[in-house]
Structure formats: C-alpha cells, structure tokens
Amino acid sequence: MDGHDLLEQRIESVGEHLASLARAWAEGAHPVPAPLREAKTWLITGAGGSAGPAHMLVDALLERGRVARYEPLSHFLEPDAEAADVLVVFSQGLSPNARLALARHERFAHTVLFTSVDPEASDVEAVIAQASHVISLPPKREDQLLVRVVGPCVATLAALLFADAIDNRSAPLDVASLAEARGASSPMEVEPDGGAIASLALVPFGEGARRYHGIANKLLEAIGEPVPIWDVLGVTHGPLQYFHGQPITLLGLMRDTREHHDLADRLDAILDPKRGQQLLRCVAPHARPLDWFAHDAMIDRVLIGAMRGRERDLIDWPGKGADQSLYGLGR
C-alpha cells in the first residue's frame, strides 16, 4: 500500500475513532478531578498536529471564563518561563520536544497530558509519570506517514469534551451529532480532481485563525507547501495583492447562513478563474463547535484530491531523518 492509499484509509477511519472516544468519555473513562475544575490559570502547548487541539482548548477555556494561553514548546527552554495553575501538553506520540514541557511539571500545581502512547509502556513510563493526569486517546499507532489525520482530530474532540467537564455550567457537547457533522456533505461548487487544485489557503468566515491552525499544519505536511489562514475580509488586505495573477484555491470555512453566502459571493467576485483562482465553499450545516469537524472532513476530501495531483511520497518524505538536531531535543 502506498502513502496516498494509506492516507485515504486513515481518513475513512476518523469517524470511527471519534465515536470510540465519545463513547468512552460518556461512560466515564476520563473523569476530571475537582482541583482541575477549580484552577484559574492554564498554560497549553503542543507542536505539529498537536498544536491544533492545543489552540482549540485555549479558545474553549477562554469562552468559559478561564485564563488560558498557548505557548510553543520552545517556551520551556527559557529559564524564566512563566507558569500557571495547570500545564496541558498535547503530544500524540510523546515527541522528545514535548518532554521539554513535561520536565517543567514542578512549576505547575497540575499537569495534564493528552497522548496516544501507552502510559504503562516501559520506555516512557517515567516520562508520563511527570503528568498528574493522563488522558489516553486513540489511535494507539499512526506512524509510517509524515502527516497524521486521525490523532489530531480525535484530540480536538477530547479538548472540547475536557473543557465541558471543567466547566459544569456549560452545555455538554452534543456528541450524538458528531458523526453527522463529520459525514456532512458540502455544496462545494468545484469538486477537487487533483489537477484543479493549486496553492491552498484557508479562509475562515467569522472565526479566528487559531481554530484552524492544526488543519493548516496537516495540509502543509501532506502537500509540502505552506497553507496560510486569512480572514474572509482580510483577503483584500495583502493576500489578494500577493496572489494576484497566480492560481490559488481558497477554502472558504463557512456556515449555512445568508451572511456567509453573501460574503462568499463577494469573495468570488474578486477572483480570476482564468488565472486558476477558485473558491471552494466548505459549508458546515452545524453550529460551533461541531462546524469544525464538518470543515475538517471536507478539507480531508480536498486533501485527497490534491494529493492525486502531486507526486509526494508520504512514507519516505523529503528530509526524513534530517531533523534530529532540533526534533531530538528533550529526548
């Protein structure tokens, strides 16, 4: 099986893993200790695919009145790095860099680790023991490919479920609608066929870039090109002048509202189809936060189409093994 086939197989399995986590959470597999519910200040970190759920948790906690901020893993190399009541580390494979954050656990009253690594594995048991609370997530393995598509999506759901558990006053996430959101069809005006996909950019409608940071990282790793995030009104404040006359595919991350469709029409009007510029309307039928899962599924469809038009090896990727000077820091 080549990398593209394996990528498609894993994308097809995302819904199953989300359902598994939702069931486990509903059955009480991840109880949240009372001291965490009382914590006021939160510092959250993660890199690569794990940065997405980390940013999502920051937003969710801020919405619930907590003091939360994201810091990159390099923050924990600073001798005077700030602390908080709770440190939260997202690391699907417990990367060496993530261990830099866990090594600072004594500066925090509580340390929470979201990971897919077996907490009882002998080679990492001591590292994981630095966390006071471990949330184990599926899938247990997602190696071989450079890009991870299952773990980051599952960790995003876990972040939202965790935020709901922290704040007893908030309405619980409607996990019954999750499968529907993940499988939502989008009235995209252009179905990606590989050859039609040029450079990509994410264009959120009414949402901050932070919610889609992880999706941008996923696309970057898969197609090997930077994927910027521009607010729909921000397109005319620099980006348009940047891609003027060049082919580009804008992924409009929108909901099914009159206001969003009007904005999409206006964005379409400034694009030049003759130059290979197009807007793919990723219309989520659900309200926040389930809209994110619909958008992620739609972008996975675009990703599959984009990969068919690219000769990029996701199993033996460019630069494989050449990153140890930085990636290995913290081992």
C-alpha atoms as a PDB file:
ATOM      1  CA  MET A   1       0.000   0.000   0.000  1.00  0.00           C
ATOM      2  CA  ASP A   2       1.471   3.374  -0.996  1.00  0.00           C
ATOM      3  CA  GLY A   3       1.281   6.545   1.065  1.00  0.00           C
ATOM      4  CA  HIS A   4      -1.716   8.010  -0.743  1.00  0.00           C
ATOM      5  CA  ASP A   5      -3.787   4.834  -0.260  1.00  0.00           C
ATOM      6  CA  LEU A   6      -2.829   4.673   3.412  1.00  0.00           C
ATOM      7  CA  LEU A   7      -3.787   8.328   3.819  1.00  0.00           C
ATOM      8  CA  GLU A   8      -7.243   7.672   2.361  1.00  0.00           C
ATOM      9  CA  GLN A   9      -7.691   4.613   4.570  1.00  0.00           C
ATOM     10  CA  ARG A  10      -6.889   6.610   7.678  1.00  0.00           C
ATOM     11  CA  ILE A  11      -9.177   9.472   6.713  1.00  0.00           C
ATOM     12  CA  GLU A  12     -12.014   6.951   6.352  1.00  0.00           C
ATOM     13  CA  SER A  13     -11.337   5.705   9.906  1.00  0.00           C
ATOM     14  CA  VAL A  14     -11.563   9.110  11.618  1.00  0.00           C
ATOM     15  CA  GLY A  15     -15.310   8.891  12.295  1.00  0.00           C
ATOM     16  CA  GLU A  16     -14.930   5.503  13.951  1.00  0.00           C
ATOM     17  CA  HIS A  17     -12.221   6.776  16.294  1.00  0.00           C
ATOM     18  CA  LEU A  18     -14.262   9.865  17.182  1.00  0.00           C
ATOM     19  CA  ALA A  19     -17.226   7.683  18.069  1.00  0.00           C
ATOM     20  CA  SER A  20     -14.995   5.451  20.178  1.00  0.00           C
ATOM     21  CA  LEU A  21     -13.692   8.387  22.181  1.00  0.00           C
ATOM     22  CA  ALA A  22     -17.181   9.876  22.603  1.00  0.00           C
ATOM     23  CA  ARG A  23     -18.496   6.565  23.943  1.00  0.00           C
ATOM     24  CA  ALA A  24     -15.561   6.136  26.321  1.00  0.00           C
ATOM     25  CA  TRP A  25     -15.985   9.663  27.633  1.00  0.00           C
ATOM     26  CA  ALA A  26     -19.735   9.207  28.159  1.00  0.00           C
ATOM     27  CA  GLU A  27     -19.008   6.014  30.106  1.00  0.00           C
ATOM     28  CA  GLY A  28     -16.720   7.907  32.494  1.00  0.00           C
ATOM     29  CA  ALA A  29     -13.358   6.740  31.152  1.00  0.00           C
ATOM     30  CA  HIS A  30     -11.822  10.170  31.711  1.00  0.00           C
ATOM     31  CA  PRO A  31     -13.122  11.705  34.955  1.00  0.00           C
ATOM     32  CA  VAL A  32     -11.801  15.203  35.628  1.00  0.00           C
ATOM     33  CA  PRO A  33     -10.542  15.736  39.209  1.00  0.00           C
ATOM     34  CA  ALA A  34     -12.183  18.509  41.231  1.00  0.00           C
ATOM     35  CA  PRO A  35      -8.931  20.518  41.626  1.00  0.00           C
ATOM     36  CA  LEU A  36      -8.783  20.993  37.853  1.00  0.00           C
ATOM     37  CA  ARG A  37     -12.302  22.408  37.844  1.00  0.00           C
ATOM     38  CA  GLU A  38     -11.182  24.994  40.390  1.00  0.00           C
ATOM     39  CA  ALA A  39      -7.987  26.011  38.563  1.00  0.00           C
ATOM     40  CA  LYS A  40      -7.942  29.567  37.219  1.00  0.00           C
ATOM     41  CA  THR A  41      -4.821  29.863  35.042  1.00  0.00           C
ATOM     42  CA  TRP A  42      -3.893  27.462  32.252  1.00  0.00           C
ATOM     43  CA  LEU A  43      -0.830  27.141  30.013  1.00  0.00           C
ATOM     44  CA  ILE A  44      -1.311  24.878  26.993  1.00  0.00           C
ATOM     45  CA  THR A  45       1.227  23.598  24.489  1.00  0.00           C
ATOM     46  CA  GLY A  46       1.697  21.241  21.571  1.00  0.00           C
ATOM     47  CA  ALA A  47       3.524  21.172  18.232  1.00  0.00           C
ATOM     48  CA  GLY A  48       2.768  19.994  14.702  1.00  0.00           C
ATOM     49  CA  GLY A  49      -0.545  18.153  14.576  1.00  0.00           C
ATOM     50  CA  SER A  50      -0.901  18.561  18.334  1.00  0.00           C
ATOM     51  CA  ALA A  51      -0.858  22.351  18.101  1.00  0.00           C
ATOM     52  CA  GLY A  52      -4.382  22.325  16.665  1.00  0.00           C
ATOM     53  CA  PRO A  53      -6.150  20.770  19.672  1.00  0.00           C
ATOM     54  CA  ALA A  54      -3.948  22.856  21.981  1.00  0.00           C
ATOM     55  CA  HIS A  55      -5.210  26.068  20.375  1.00  0.00           C
ATOM     56  CA  MET A  56      -8.777  24.741  20.427  1.00  0.00           C
ATOM     57  CA  LEU A  57      -8.564  24.112  24.176  1.00  0.00           C
ATOM     58  CA  VAL A  58      -7.283  27.645  24.744  1.00  0.00           C
ATOM     59  CA  ASP A  59     -10.333  29.055  22.954  1.00  0.00           C
ATOM     60  CA  ALA A  60     -12.713  26.732  24.799  1.00  0.00           C
ATOM     61  CA  LEU A  61     -11.323  27.693  28.202  1.00  0.00           C
ATOM     62  CA  LEU A  62     -11.360  31.404  27.399  1.00  0.00           C
ATOM     63  CA  GLU A  63     -15.018  31.101  26.418  1.00  0.00           C
ATOM     64  CA  ARG A  64     -15.663  29.579  29.843  1.00  0.00           C
ATOM     65  CA  GLY A  65     -14.057  32.462  31.708  1.00  0.00           C
ATOM     66  CA  ARG A  66     -10.712  30.813  32.486  1.00  0.00           C
ATOM     67  CA  VAL A  67      -7.337  32.480  31.997  1.00  0.00           C
ATOM     68  CA  ALA A  68      -5.656  30.388  29.296  1.00  0.00           C
ATOM     69  CA  ARG A  69      -2.853  30.907  26.844  1.00  0.00           C
ATOM     70  CA  TYR A  70      -0.883  28.904  24.296  1.00  0.00           C
ATOM     71  CA  GLU A  71       2.904  28.765  24.412  1.00  0.00           C
ATOM     72  CA  PRO A  72       5.161  26.921  21.938  1.00  0.00           C
ATOM     73  CA  LEU A  73       7.416  24.148  23.189  1.00  0.00           C
ATOM     74  CA  SER A  74      10.447  26.422  22.953  1.00  0.00           C
ATOM     75  CA  HIS A  75       8.894  28.436  25.812  1.00  0.00           C
ATOM     76  CA  PHE A  76      10.020  25.689  28.173  1.00  0.00           C
ATOM     77  CA  LEU A  77      13.677  26.254  27.296  1.00  0.00           C
ATOM     78  CA  GLU A  78      13.531  29.738  28.818  1.00  0.00           C
ATOM     79  CA  PRO A  79      14.971  29.817  32.359  1.00  0.00           C
ATOM     80  CA  ASP A  80      12.329  32.319  33.487  1.00  0.00           C
ATOM     81  CA  ALA A  81       9.405  30.679  31.666  1.00  0.00           C
ATOM     82  CA  GLU A  82       6.074  31.679  33.172  1.00  0.00           C
ATOM     83  CA  ALA A  83       3.963  29.089  34.929  1.00  0.00           C
ATOM     84  CA  ALA A  84       0.241  28.673  35.723  1.00  0.00           C
ATOM     85  CA  ASP A  85      -2.064  26.558  37.858  1.00  0.00           C
ATOM     86  CA  VAL A  86      -2.296  23.910  35.139  1.00  0.00           C
ATOM     87  CA  LEU A  87       0.041  22.833  32.355  1.00  0.00           C
ATOM     88  CA  VAL A  88      -1.620  20.954  29.481  1.00  0.00           C
ATOM     89  CA  VAL A  89       0.579  19.105  26.970  1.00  0.00           C
ATOM     90  CA  PHE A  90      -0.771  17.628  23.739  1.00  0.00           C
ATOM     91  CA  SER A  91       1.583  15.091  22.165  1.00  0.00           C
ATOM     92  CA  GLN A  92       0.166  12.169  20.214  1.00  0.00           C
ATOM     93  CA  GLY A  93       3.449  10.258  20.078  1.00  0.00           C
ATOM     94  CA  LEU A  94       5.128  11.871  23.111  1.00  0.00           C
ATOM     95  CA  SER A  95       7.761  13.565  20.970  1.00  0.00           C
ATOM     96  CA  PRO A  96      11.132  14.487  22.506  1.00  0.00           C
ATOM     97  CA  ASN A  97      10.248  18.182  22.217  1.00  0.00           C
ATOM     98  CA  ALA A  98       7.040  17.642  24.217  1.00  0.00           C
ATOM     99  CA  ARG A  99       9.099  16.156  27.016  1.00  0.00           C
ATOM    100  CA  LEU A 100      10.722  19.571  27.486  1.00  0.00           C
ATOM    101  CA  ALA A 101       7.360  20.822  28.742  1.00  0.00           C
ATOM    102  CA  LEU A 102       6.728  17.801  30.956  1.00  0.00           C
ATOM    103  CA  ALA A 103      10.162  18.240  32.543  1.00  0.00           C
ATOM    104  CA  ARG A 104       8.904  21.592  33.926  1.00  0.00           C
ATOM    105  CA  HIS A 105       5.955  19.960  35.694  1.00  0.00           C
ATOM    106  CA  GLU A 106       7.178  21.055  39.144  1.00  0.00           C
ATOM    107  CA  ARG A 107       6.370  24.666  38.248  1.00  0.00           C
ATOM    108  CA  PHE A 108       2.668  23.793  37.989  1.00  0.00           C
ATOM    109  CA  ALA A 109       0.118  22.574  40.525  1.00  0.00           C
ATOM    110  CA  HIS A 110      -1.261  20.136  37.937  1.00  0.00           C
ATOM    111  CA  THR A 111      -0.008  18.727  34.641  1.00  0.00           C
ATOM    112  CA  VAL A 112      -2.382  17.180  32.108  1.00  0.00           C
ATOM    113  CA  LEU A 113      -1.085  15.087  29.198  1.00  0.00           C
ATOM    114  CA  PHE A 114      -3.180  14.163  26.152  1.00  0.00           C
ATOM    115  CA  THR A 115      -1.402  11.330  24.316  1.00  0.00           C
ATOM    116  CA  SER A 116      -1.885   8.114  22.366  1.00  0.00           C
ATOM    117  CA  VAL A 117       1.198   6.491  23.890  1.00  0.00           C
ATOM    118  CA  ASP A 118       0.517   3.641  26.317  1.00  0.00           C
ATOM    119  CA  PRO A 119       1.100   5.127  29.812  1.00  0.00           C
ATOM    120  CA  GLU A 120       2.437   1.784  31.020  1.00  0.00           C
ATOM    121  CA  ALA A 121       4.995   1.324  28.252  1.00  0.00           C
ATOM    122  CA  SER A 122       8.325   0.752  29.983  1.00  0.00           C
ATOM    123  CA  ASP A 123      10.322   3.116  27.779  1.00  0.00           C
ATOM    124  CA  VAL A 124       8.126   6.152  28.533  1.00  0.00           C
ATOM    125  CA  GLU A 125       6.581   5.282  31.891  1.00  0.00           C
ATOM    126  CA  ALA A 126       8.877   7.644  33.819  1.00  0.00           C
ATOM    127  CA  VAL A 127       8.196  10.486  31.387  1.00  0.00           C
ATOM    128  CA  ILE A 128       4.429  10.051  31.529  1.00  0.00           C
ATOM    129  CA  ALA A 129       4.568   9.831  35.324  1.00  0.00           C
ATOM    130  CA  GLN A 130       5.533  13.511  35.328  1.00  0.00           C
ATOM    131  CA  ALA A 131       1.910  14.288  34.451  1.00  0.00           C
ATOM    132  CA  SER A 132      -0.616  14.274  37.286  1.00  0.00           C
ATOM    133  CA  HIS A 133      -3.480  13.477  34.902  1.00  0.00           C
ATOM    134  CA  VAL A 134      -3.139  11.451  31.655  1.00  0.00           C
ATOM    135  CA  ILE A 135      -5.851  11.264  29.003  1.00  0.00           C
ATOM    136  CA  SER A 136      -5.159   8.339  26.682  1.00  0.00           C
ATOM    137  CA  LEU A 137      -6.528   8.767  23.177  1.00  0.00           C
ATOM    138  CA  PRO A 138      -6.984   6.555  20.120  1.00  0.00           C
ATOM    139  CA  PRO A 139      -5.430   5.533  17.837  1.00  0.00           C
ATOM    140  CA  LYS A 140      -2.571   3.728  19.542  1.00  0.00           C
ATOM    141  CA  ARG A 141      -0.472   3.881  16.366  1.00  0.00           C
ATOM    142  CA  GLU A 142      -0.440   6.327  13.480  1.00  0.00           C
ATOM    143  CA  ASP A 143       3.113   6.034  12.240  1.00  0.00           C
ATOM    144  CA  GLN A 144       4.550   5.351   8.754  1.00  0.00           C
ATOM    145  CA  LEU A 145       3.117   8.564   7.257  1.00  0.00           C
ATOM    146  CA  LEU A 146       4.541  12.044   7.784  1.00  0.00           C
ATOM    147  CA  VAL A 147       1.056  13.526   8.137  1.00  0.00           C
ATOM    148  CA  ARG A 148      -1.361  12.465  10.873  1.00  0.00           C
ATOM    149  CA  VAL A 149      -5.058  12.845  10.224  1.00  0.00           C
ATOM    150  CA  VAL A 150      -6.723  10.714  12.920  1.00  0.00           C
ATOM    151  CA  GLY A 151      -4.951  11.704  16.133  1.00  0.00           C
ATOM    152  CA  PRO A 152      -5.259  15.496  15.808  1.00  0.00           C
ATOM    153  CA  CYS A 153      -8.995  15.286  15.055  1.00  0.00           C
ATOM    154  CA  VAL A 154      -9.582  12.916  17.987  1.00  0.00           C
ATOM    155  CA  ALA A 155      -7.514  15.150  20.288  1.00  0.00           C
ATOM    156  CA  THR A 156      -9.611  18.143  19.216  1.00  0.00           C
ATOM    157  CA  LEU A 157     -12.762  16.336  20.325  1.00  0.00           C
ATOM    158  CA  ALA A 158     -11.035  15.387  23.574  1.00  0.00           C
ATOM    159  CA  ALA A 159     -10.098  19.029  24.156  1.00  0.00           C
ATOM    160  CA  LEU A 160     -13.736  20.108  23.802  1.00  0.00           C
ATOM    161  CA  LEU A 161     -15.049  17.294  25.996  1.00  0.00           C
ATOM    162  CA  PHE A 162     -12.414  18.164  28.590  1.00  0.00           C
ATOM    163  CA  ALA A 163     -13.416  21.845  28.551  1.00  0.00           C
ATOM    164  CA  ASP A 164     -17.057  20.850  29.066  1.00  0.00           C
ATOM    165  CA  ALA A 165     -16.057  18.683  32.024  1.00  0.00           C
ATOM    166  CA  ILE A 166     -14.015  21.521  33.533  1.00  0.00           C
ATOM    167  CA  ASP A 167     -16.992  23.865  33.414  1.00  0.00           C
ATOM    168  CA  ASN A 168     -20.058  22.162  34.853  1.00  0.00           C
ATOM    169  CA  ARG A 169     -22.144  25.161  33.841  1.00  0.00           C
ATOM    170  CA  SER A 170     -21.563  24.729  30.116  1.00  0.00           C
ATOM    171  CA  ALA A 171     -23.917  22.744  27.919  1.00  0.00           C
ATOM    172  CA  PRO A 172     -22.267  19.389  27.088  1.00  0.00           C
ATOM    173  CA  LEU A 173     -21.062  18.840  23.559  1.00  0.00           C
ATOM    174  CA  ASP A 174     -23.750  17.120  21.508  1.00  0.00           C
ATOM    175  CA  VAL A 175     -21.727  14.041  20.619  1.00  0.00           C
ATOM    176  CA  ALA A 176     -24.822  12.446  19.067  1.00  0.00           C
ATOM    177  CA  SER A 177     -24.461  14.905  16.192  1.00  0.00           C
ATOM    178  CA  LEU A 178     -20.735  14.325  15.826  1.00  0.00           C
ATOM    179  CA  ALA A 179     -20.922  11.531  13.238  1.00  0.00           C
ATOM    180  CA  GLU A 180     -23.386  13.577  11.230  1.00  0.00           C
ATOM    181  CA  ALA A 181     -21.074  16.576  11.324  1.00  0.00           C
ATOM    182  CA  ARG A 182     -18.062  14.508  10.290  1.00  0.00           C
ATOM    183  CA  GLY A 183     -20.005  12.964   7.411  1.00  0.00           C
ATOM    184  CA  ALA A 184     -21.687  16.185   6.334  1.00  0.00           C
ATOM    185  CA  SER A 185     -21.778  16.802   2.615  1.00  0.00           C
ATOM    186  CA  SER A 186     -20.659  20.199   1.423  1.00  0.00           C
ATOM    187  CA  PRO A 187     -22.175  22.057  -1.527  1.00  0.00           C
ATOM    188  CA  MET A 188     -18.732  22.717  -2.971  1.00  0.00           C
ATOM    189  CA  GLU A 189     -19.101  24.317  -6.351  1.00  0.00           C
ATOM    190  CA  VAL A 190     -15.944  22.617  -7.641  1.00  0.00           C
ATOM    191  CA  GLU A 191     -15.127  19.046  -6.741  1.00  0.00           C
ATOM    192  CA  PRO A 192     -11.355  18.662  -6.314  1.00  0.00           C
ATOM    193  CA  ASP A 193      -9.910  16.452  -9.033  1.00  0.00           C
ATOM    194  CA  GLY A 194      -6.194  16.873  -8.418  1.00  0.00           C
ATOM    195  CA  GLY A 195      -5.421  18.892 -11.498  1.00  0.00           C
ATOM    196  CA  ALA A 196      -7.734  21.714 -10.376  1.00  0.00           C
ATOM    197  CA  ILE A 197      -6.046  22.163  -7.001  1.00  0.00           C
ATOM    198  CA  ALA A 198      -3.414  24.893  -6.980  1.00  0.00           C
ATOM    199  CA  SER A 199      -1.824  26.502  -3.927  1.00  0.00           C
ATOM    200  CA  LEU A 200      -4.180  26.335  -0.955  1.00  0.00           C
ATOM    201  CA  ALA A 201      -5.268  28.899   1.623  1.00  0.00           C
ATOM    202  CA  LEU A 202      -7.796  28.608   4.443  1.00  0.00           C
ATOM    203  CA  VAL A 203     -10.345  31.422   4.659  1.00  0.00           C
ATOM    204  CA  PRO A 204     -12.440  31.322   7.855  1.00  0.00           C
ATOM    205  CA  PHE A 205     -15.693  33.263   7.947  1.00  0.00           C
ATOM    206  CA  GLY A 206     -16.160  34.930  11.326  1.00  0.00           C
ATOM    207  CA  GLU A 207     -13.692  32.690  13.184  1.00  0.00           C
ATOM    208  CA  GLY A 208     -10.156  33.291  14.362  1.00  0.00           C
ATOM    209  CA  ALA A 209      -7.221  31.599  12.686  1.00  0.00           C
ATOM    210  CA  ARG A 210      -6.413  29.711  15.870  1.00  0.00           C
ATOM    211  CA  ARG A 211      -9.306  27.261  15.381  1.00  0.00           C
ATOM    212  CA  TYR A 212      -7.814  26.099  12.065  1.00  0.00           C
ATOM    213  CA  HIS A 213      -4.123  26.121  12.958  1.00  0.00           C
ATOM    214  CA  GLY A 214      -3.991  22.319  13.137  1.00  0.00           C
ATOM    215  CA  ILE A 215      -5.720  21.868   9.783  1.00  0.00           C
ATOM    216  CA  ALA A 216      -3.185  24.206   8.175  1.00  0.00           C
ATOM    217  CA  ASN A 217      -0.363  22.110   9.657  1.00  0.00           C
ATOM    218  CA  LYS A 218      -1.965  18.931   8.286  1.00  0.00           C
ATOM    219  CA  LEU A 219      -2.160  20.366   4.781  1.00  0.00           C
ATOM    220  CA  LEU A 220       1.413  21.674   4.983  1.00  0.00           C
ATOM    221  CA  GLU A 221       2.793  18.240   5.857  1.00  0.00           C
ATOM    222  CA  ALA A 222       0.684  16.431   3.277  1.00  0.00           C
ATOM    223  CA  ILE A 223       1.185  18.625   0.212  1.00  0.00           C
ATOM    224  CA  GLY A 224       4.567  20.083   1.189  1.00  0.00           C
ATOM    225  CA  GLU A 225       3.524  23.719   0.737  1.00  0.00           C
ATOM    226  CA  PRO A 226       2.714  26.451   3.284  1.00  0.00           C
ATOM    227  CA  VAL A 227      -1.029  26.961   3.768  1.00  0.00           C
ATOM    228  CA  PRO A 228      -1.845  30.435   5.097  1.00  0.00           C
ATOM    229  CA  ILE A 229      -5.009  31.327   7.016  1.00  0.00           C
ATOM    230  CA  TRP A 230      -6.732  34.575   6.020  1.00  0.00           C
ATOM    231  CA  ASP A 231      -9.955  36.014   7.412  1.00  0.00           C
ATOM    232  CA  VAL A 232     -12.503  36.469   4.623  1.00  0.00           C
ATOM    233  CA  LEU A 233     -12.332  40.271   4.909  1.00  0.00           C
ATOM    234  CA  GLY A 234      -8.567  40.118   5.391  1.00  0.00           C
ATOM    235  CA  VAL A 235      -8.111  38.705   1.876  1.00  0.00           C
ATOM    236  CA  THR A 236      -8.090  42.221   0.420  1.00  0.00           C
ATOM    237  CA  HIS A 237      -5.557  43.465   2.973  1.00  0.00           C
ATOM    238  CA  GLY A 238      -2.426  41.948   1.462  1.00  0.00           C
ATOM    239  CA  PRO A 239      -3.267  38.380   0.354  1.00  0.00           C
ATOM    240  CA  LEU A 240      -5.080  39.451  -2.840  1.00  0.00           C
ATOM    241  CA  GLN A 241      -2.101  41.537  -3.861  1.00  0.00           C
ATOM    242  CA  TYR A 242       0.148  38.575  -3.047  1.00  0.00           C
ATOM    243  CA  PHE A 243      -1.624  36.018  -5.262  1.00  0.00           C
ATOM    244  CA  HIS A 244      -2.858  38.439  -7.935  1.00  0.00           C
ATOM    245  CA  GLY A 245      -2.492  36.790 -11.339  1.00  0.00           C
ATOM    246  CA  GLN A 246      -1.474  33.445  -9.804  1.00  0.00           C
ATOM    247  CA  PRO A 247      -3.503  30.236  -9.418  1.00  0.00           C
ATOM    248  CA  ILE A 248      -4.841  29.595  -5.940  1.00  0.00           C
ATOM    249  CA  THR A 249      -7.625  27.615  -4.276  1.00  0.00           C
ATOM    250  CA  LEU A 250      -9.295  29.312  -1.329  1.00  0.00           C
ATOM    251  CA  LEU A 251     -11.092  27.011   1.098  1.00  0.00           C
ATOM    252  CA  GLY A 252     -13.978  29.049   2.489  1.00  0.00           C
ATOM    253  CA  LEU A 253     -14.730  27.778   6.008  1.00  0.00           C
ATOM    254  CA  MET A 254     -18.313  28.932   6.417  1.00  0.00           C
ATOM    255  CA  ARG A 255     -21.700  28.053   7.854  1.00  0.00           C
ATOM    256  CA  ASP A 256     -25.002  27.824   6.013  1.00  0.00           C
ATOM    257  CA  THR A 257     -26.179  31.375   6.710  1.00  0.00           C
ATOM    258  CA  ARG A 258     -27.291  34.183   4.430  1.00  0.00           C
ATOM    259  CA  GLU A 259     -24.468  36.383   5.710  1.00  0.00           C
ATOM    260  CA  HIS A 260     -21.805  33.784   4.957  1.00  0.00           C
ATOM    261  CA  HIS A 261     -23.143  33.056   1.471  1.00  0.00           C
ATOM    262  CA  ASP A 262     -23.168  36.793   0.737  1.00  0.00           C
ATOM    263  CA  LEU A 263     -19.540  37.065   1.832  1.00  0.00           C
ATOM    264  CA  ALA A 264     -18.670  34.062  -0.344  1.00  0.00           C
ATOM    265  CA  ASP A 265     -20.300  35.721  -3.369  1.00  0.00           C
ATOM    266  CA  ARG A 266     -18.267  38.874  -2.740  1.00  0.00           C
ATOM    267  CA  LEU A 267     -15.056  36.868  -2.365  1.00  0.00           C
ATOM    268  CA  ASP A 268     -15.816  35.001  -5.587  1.00  0.00           C
ATOM    269  CA  ALA A 269     -16.213  38.316  -7.392  1.00  0.00           C
ATOM    270  CA  ILE A 270     -12.581  39.330  -6.798  1.00  0.00           C
ATOM    271  CA  LEU A 271     -11.126  36.023  -8.030  1.00  0.00           C
ATOM    272  CA  ASP A 272      -9.995  35.414 -11.605  1.00  0.00           C
ATOM    273  CA  PRO A 273     -10.997  31.916 -12.793  1.00  0.00           C
ATOM    274  CA  LYS A 274      -8.974  32.412 -15.990  1.00  0.00           C
ATOM    275  CA  ARG A 275      -5.872  32.619 -13.804  1.00  0.00           C
ATOM    276  CA  GLY A 276      -6.775  29.415 -11.970  1.00  0.00           C
ATOM    277  CA  GLN A 277      -8.255  31.135  -8.923  1.00  0.00           C
ATOM    278  CA  GLN A 278     -11.213  29.429  -7.268  1.00  0.00           C
ATOM    279  CA  LEU A 279     -13.205  29.366  -4.047  1.00  0.00           C
ATOM    280  CA  LEU A 280     -14.317  26.020  -2.631  1.00  0.00           C
ATOM    281  CA  ARG A 281     -17.214  26.647  -0.268  1.00  0.00           C
ATOM    282  CA  CYS A 282     -16.885  24.365   2.751  1.00  0.00           C
ATOM    283  CA  VAL A 283     -20.351  24.881   4.224  1.00  0.00           C
ATOM    284  CA  ALA A 284     -20.871  23.357   7.667  1.00  0.00           C
ATOM    285  CA  PRO A 285     -24.512  22.628   8.498  1.00  0.00           C
ATOM    286  CA  HIS A 286     -23.848  22.663  12.243  1.00  0.00           C
ATOM    287  CA  ALA A 287     -23.234  25.406  14.770  1.00  0.00           C
ATOM    288  CA  ARG A 288     -19.995  25.844  16.660  1.00  0.00           C
ATOM    289  CA  PRO A 289     -18.131  23.758  17.774  1.00  0.00           C
ATOM    290  CA  LEU A 290     -19.398  20.903  15.563  1.00  0.00           C
ATOM    291  CA  ASP A 291     -18.787  23.017  12.468  1.00  0.00           C
ATOM    292  CA  TRP A 292     -15.057  22.420  12.903  1.00  0.00           C
ATOM    293  CA  PHE A 293     -15.481  18.650  12.459  1.00  0.00           C
ATOM    294  CA  ALA A 294     -17.515  19.164   9.299  1.00  0.00           C
ATOM    295  CA  HIS A 295     -14.872  21.533   7.939  1.00  0.00           C
ATOM    296  CA  ASP A 296     -12.101  19.073   8.805  1.00  0.00           C
ATOM    297  CA  ALA A 297     -13.907  16.282   6.925  1.00  0.00           C
ATOM    298  CA  MET A 298     -14.460  18.483   3.874  1.00  0.00           C
ATOM    299  CA  ILE A 299     -10.835  19.539   3.817  1.00  0.00           C
ATOM    300  CA  ASP A 300      -9.815  15.884   4.002  1.00  0.00           C
ATOM    301  CA  ARG A 301     -11.777  15.399   0.760  1.00  0.00           C
ATOM    302  CA  VAL A 302      -9.896  18.292  -0.780  1.00  0.00           C
ATOM    303  CA  LEU A 303      -6.628  16.844   0.510  1.00  0.00           C
ATOM    304  CA  ILE A 304      -7.248  13.500  -1.177  1.00  0.00           C
ATOM    305  CA  GLY A 305      -7.911  15.278  -4.463  1.00  0.00           C
ATOM    306  CA  ALA A 306      -4.860  17.484  -4.084  1.00  0.00           C
ATOM    307  CA  MET A 307      -2.601  14.508  -3.350  1.00  0.00           C
ATOM    308  CA  ARG A 308      -3.690  12.740  -6.538  1.00  0.00           C
ATOM    309  CA  GLY A 309      -2.205  15.631  -8.466  1.00  0.00           C
ATOM    310  CA  ARG A 310       1.110  15.566  -6.620  1.00  0.00           C
ATOM    311  CA  GLU A 311       3.970  13.098  -6.670  1.00  0.00           C
ATOM    312  CA  ARG A 312       4.804  13.383  -2.983  1.00  0.00           C
ATOM    313  CA  ASP A 313       5.989  10.371  -1.018  1.00  0.00           C
ATOM    314  CA  LEU A 314       4.365  10.456   2.432  1.00  0.00           C
ATOM    315  CA  ILE A 315       6.200   7.333   3.620  1.00  0.00           C
ATOM    316  CA  ASP A 316       9.733   8.285   2.586  1.00  0.00           C
ATOM    317  CA  TRP A 317       9.236  12.036   2.739  1.00  0.00           C
ATOM    318  CA  PRO A 318      11.803  14.754   1.929  1.00  0.00           C
ATOM    319  CA  GLY A 319      14.019  15.497   4.904  1.00  0.00           C
ATOM    320  CA  LYS A 320      13.213  12.244   6.661  1.00  0.00           C
ATOM    321  CA  GLY A 321      15.706  11.714   9.479  1.00  0.00           C
ATOM    322  CA  ALA A 322      17.373  15.085   8.920  1.00  0.00           C
ATOM    323  CA  ASP A 323      15.607  16.808  11.815  1.00  0.00           C
ATOM    324  CA  GLN A 324      17.254  15.250  14.856  1.00  0.00           C
ATOM    325  CA  SER A 325      19.276  18.286  15.872  1.00  0.00           C
ATOM    326  CA  LEU A 326      16.006  20.011  16.808  1.00  0.00           C
ATOM    327  CA  TYR A 327      13.398  17.224  16.944  1.00  0.00           C
ATOM    328  CA  GLY A 328      15.568  15.131  19.263  1.00  0.00           C
ATOM    329  CA  LEU A 329      15.898  17.952  21.794  1.00  0.00           C
ATOM    330  CA  GLY A 330      14.288  16.757  25.011  1.00  0.00           C
ATOM    331  CA  ARG A 331      14.959  13.061  24.483  1.00  0.00           C
END
